[in-house]
Amino acid sequence: MLYLDKQTHQYTLDGKPLPSVTQIVTSVVGSPNADEYYLQRGRVLHQAIALALTGRLDRSTVDPRIAGRLAQAEKAVTELAISNPIVEVMLAHPLYKYAGTADLYADGLLVDWKSSDDSRAEIQLGGYVLLLEADKKPVKRCAAIVLDDDRYTVHWYKPSRASRLFLAALTLYAWKEET
């Protein structure tokens, strides 16, 4: 059984630890220099988006500091005609032995929400593409959607290229772990 300890962000599968997509990418490419406030804001925003898209968000609880970005995520879903999304899809890859949680999957579209531009997004999306496809959910298109208070920006990536980039990162990650 796949389990995620939300405090440590550690995935385990049947009790054995698995690296996450984010851990792999960060180990190889580095991490953005984000202050803890912005990291926390991103986590809260992701949670609010997931609740909103599943119809479980109590809007009276939305912090005004994320309200604009949440509205932009909902606008993006409407304007991109995303219907029946599966949100926060937690998966483990049976062959490559890593895990991750995709933000949104709907009818062949994979979306990763971002609070700011992140040059690592394409590689990260590649990890989620491989996870979804291993779970028999084909990915035809993938995008990182950057949310601001008053607008959103869509960065489209080719799933095949994103997957290849992630596999390269995974290979380097495994090499670093061995040495």
Protein backbone atom coordinates (compact mmCIF):
# COMPACT_ATOMS: atom_id res chain seq x y z
CA MET A 1 0.00 0.00 0.00
CA LEU A 2 1.26 3.47 -0.92
CA TYR A 3 1.47 5.92 1.96
CA LEU A 4 2.60 9.55 2.20
CA ASP A 5 3.73 11.04 5.49
CA LYS A 6 2.61 14.62 4.91
CA GLN A 7 4.88 16.00 7.64
CA THR A 8 8.10 14.60 6.16
CA HIS A 9 6.83 14.30 2.56
CA GLN A 10 8.15 10.72 2.57
CA TYR A 11 6.41 8.10 0.45
CA THR A 12 6.49 4.44 1.42
CA LEU A 13 5.22 1.46 -0.51
CA ASP A 14 4.50 -1.59 1.64
CA GLY A 15 6.72 -0.03 4.31
CA LYS A 16 9.69 0.64 1.99
CA PRO A 17 10.70 4.27 1.39
CA LEU A 18 10.46 5.64 -2.14
CA PRO A 19 11.91 8.92 -3.40
CA SER A 20 9.40 11.47 -4.64
CA VAL A 21 9.36 13.19 -8.01
CA THR A 22 10.29 16.42 -6.25
CA GLN A 23 13.17 14.81 -4.30
CA ILE A 24 14.60 13.33 -7.50
CA VAL A 25 14.37 16.58 -9.46
CA THR A 26 15.74 18.66 -6.56
CA SER A 27 18.65 16.26 -6.03
CA VAL A 28 19.71 16.55 -9.66
CA VAL A 29 18.71 20.08 -10.69
CA GLY A 30 18.52 21.91 -7.36
CA SER A 31 15.66 23.67 -5.66
CA PRO A 32 14.29 27.15 -6.07
CA ASN A 33 15.42 29.57 -3.40
CA ALA A 34 12.00 29.99 -1.85
CA ASP A 35 11.38 31.35 1.59
CA GLU A 36 9.30 29.14 3.93
CA TYR A 37 6.35 31.55 3.66
CA TYR A 38 6.09 30.96 -0.10
CA LEU A 39 6.49 27.21 0.26
CA GLN A 40 3.69 27.13 2.82
CA ARG A 41 1.51 29.38 0.66
CA GLY A 42 2.00 26.96 -2.24
CA ARG A 43 0.98 23.98 -0.10
CA VAL A 44 -2.14 25.75 1.17
CA LEU A 45 -3.04 26.89 -2.36
CA HIS A 46 -2.71 23.34 -3.70
CA GLN A 47 -4.99 22.08 -0.95
CA ALA A 48 -7.57 24.82 -1.61
CA ILE A 49 -7.56 24.07 -5.36
CA ALA A 50 -8.07 20.35 -4.72
CA LEU A 51 -10.94 21.07 -2.34
CA ALA A 52 -12.52 23.56 -4.77
CA LEU A 53 -12.31 21.18 -7.72
CA THR A 54 -13.91 18.38 -5.72
CA GLY A 55 -16.66 20.62 -4.39
CA ARG A 56 -15.51 20.38 -0.77
CA LEU A 57 -14.09 23.86 -0.22
CA ASP A 58 -15.66 26.01 2.48
CA ARG A 59 -15.02 29.37 0.83
CA SER A 60 -15.33 31.21 4.15
CA THR A 61 -12.04 29.56 5.18
CA VAL A 62 -9.99 30.79 2.20
CA ASP A 63 -7.15 33.05 3.27
CA PRO A 64 -7.31 36.34 1.33
CA ARG A 65 -3.60 35.92 0.49
CA ILE A 66 -4.42 32.96 -1.79
CA ALA A 67 -7.94 33.94 -2.93
CA GLY A 68 -6.77 35.54 -6.19
CA ARG A 69 -4.61 32.59 -7.15
CA LEU A 70 -7.41 30.16 -6.32
CA ALA A 71 -9.77 32.18 -8.53
CA GLN A 72 -7.22 32.03 -11.35
CA ALA A 73 -6.94 28.24 -11.01
CA GLU A 74 -10.72 27.94 -11.28
CA LYS A 75 -10.69 30.31 -14.25
CA ALA A 76 -8.02 28.18 -15.95
CA VAL A 77 -10.11 25.02 -15.43
CA THR A 78 -13.12 26.75 -17.01
CA GLU A 79 -11.25 28.37 -19.91
CA LEU A 80 -9.29 25.20 -20.73
CA ALA A 81 -12.58 23.25 -20.61
CA ILE A 82 -11.25 20.76 -18.06
CA SER A 83 -14.06 18.47 -16.98
CA ASN A 84 -14.22 15.68 -14.42
CA PRO A 85 -10.68 16.19 -13.14
CA ILE A 86 -8.97 13.73 -10.85
CA VAL A 87 -7.03 15.80 -8.31
CA GLU A 88 -4.05 14.97 -6.11
CA VAL A 89 -3.39 11.63 -7.85
CA MET A 90 -0.91 9.75 -5.61
CA LEU A 91 0.95 6.98 -7.46
CA ALA A 92 4.08 4.84 -7.31
CA HIS A 93 5.93 3.56 -10.35
CA PRO A 94 6.20 -0.24 -10.27
CA LEU A 95 9.41 -0.41 -12.31
CA TYR A 96 11.29 2.78 -11.45
CA LYS A 97 10.42 2.71 -7.73
CA TYR A 98 9.53 6.33 -7.07
CA ALA A 99 6.28 8.04 -6.13
CA GLY A 100 4.52 11.35 -6.58
CA THR A 101 1.23 13.16 -6.47
CA ALA A 102 0.00 14.74 -9.70
CA ASP A 103 -2.04 17.90 -9.15
CA LEU A 104 -4.69 17.29 -11.81
CA TYR A 105 -5.45 14.73 -14.51
CA ALA A 106 -8.43 14.89 -16.86
CA ASP A 107 -9.01 13.19 -20.19
CA GLY A 108 -5.35 12.93 -21.18
CA LEU A 109 -4.36 16.31 -19.72
CA LEU A 110 -1.87 16.58 -16.85
CA VAL A 111 -1.64 19.90 -14.97
CA ASP A 112 0.88 20.96 -12.36
CA TRP A 113 -0.08 24.12 -10.45
CA LYS A 114 2.75 26.58 -9.77
CA SER A 115 2.81 29.69 -7.59
CA SER A 116 5.76 31.07 -9.56
CA ASP A 117 7.74 30.20 -12.66
CA ASP A 118 9.89 27.14 -12.09
CA SER A 119 12.44 26.04 -14.69
CA ARG A 120 12.21 22.49 -13.29
CA ALA A 121 8.50 22.14 -14.18
CA GLU A 122 9.02 20.19 -17.40
CA ILE A 123 11.21 17.59 -15.69
CA GLN A 124 8.78 17.31 -12.78
CA LEU A 125 5.84 16.85 -15.16
CA GLY A 126 7.79 14.04 -16.84
CA GLY A 127 7.82 12.13 -13.56
CA TYR A 128 4.05 12.46 -13.28
CA VAL A 129 3.57 11.46 -16.94
CA LEU A 130 5.42 8.20 -16.29
CA LEU A 131 3.44 7.56 -13.08
CA LEU A 132 0.08 8.15 -14.79
CA GLU A 133 0.94 6.08 -17.83
CA ALA A 134 2.11 3.19 -15.63
CA ASP A 135 -1.36 3.42 -14.05
CA LYS A 136 -2.97 3.17 -17.52
CA LYS A 137 -3.87 6.87 -17.67
CA PRO A 138 -2.45 8.12 -20.98
CA VAL A 139 -1.10 11.66 -21.06
CA LYS A 140 -1.61 13.47 -24.38
CA ARG A 141 -0.84 16.99 -23.11
CA CYS A 142 0.85 18.40 -20.03
CA ALA A 143 1.12 21.89 -18.65
CA ALA A 144 2.51 23.86 -15.76
CA ILE A 145 0.02 26.58 -14.89
CA VAL A 146 1.55 29.51 -13.05
CA LEU A 147 -1.00 31.27 -10.86
CA ASP A 148 -0.82 34.94 -9.95
CA ASP A 149 -3.42 37.01 -8.13
CA ASP A 150 -4.80 38.50 -11.33
CA ARG A 151 -3.85 36.08 -14.12
CA TYR A 152 -2.60 32.63 -14.98
CA THR A 153 0.00 31.55 -17.51
CA VAL A 154 0.06 28.13 -19.19
CA HIS A 155 3.38 26.55 -20.16
CA TRP A 156 2.75 23.55 -22.45
CA TYR A 157 5.22 20.67 -22.66
CA LYS A 158 5.41 17.55 -24.77
CA PRO A 159 4.81 14.49 -22.56
CA SER A 160 7.42 12.41 -24.46
CA ARG A 161 10.17 14.98 -23.97
CA ALA A 162 9.20 15.61 -20.33
CA SER A 163 9.34 11.85 -19.66
CA ARG A 164 12.79 11.54 -21.24
CA LEU A 165 14.06 14.45 -19.15
CA PHE A 166 12.72 12.89 -15.97
CA LEU A 167 14.28 9.50 -16.81
CA ALA A 168 17.63 11.27 -17.27
CA ALA A 169 17.19 12.91 -13.85
CA LEU A 170 16.19 9.57 -12.33
CA THR A 171 19.33 7.95 -13.75
CA LEU A 172 21.52 10.69 -12.27
CA TYR A 173 19.64 10.45 -8.96
CA ALA A 174 20.29 6.68 -8.79
CA TRP A 175 23.97 7.26 -9.61
CA LYS A 176 24.27 9.88 -6.86
CA GLU A 177 22.60 7.55 -4.36
CA GLU A 178 25.06 4.76 -5.21
CA THR A 179 28.18 6.89 -4.81
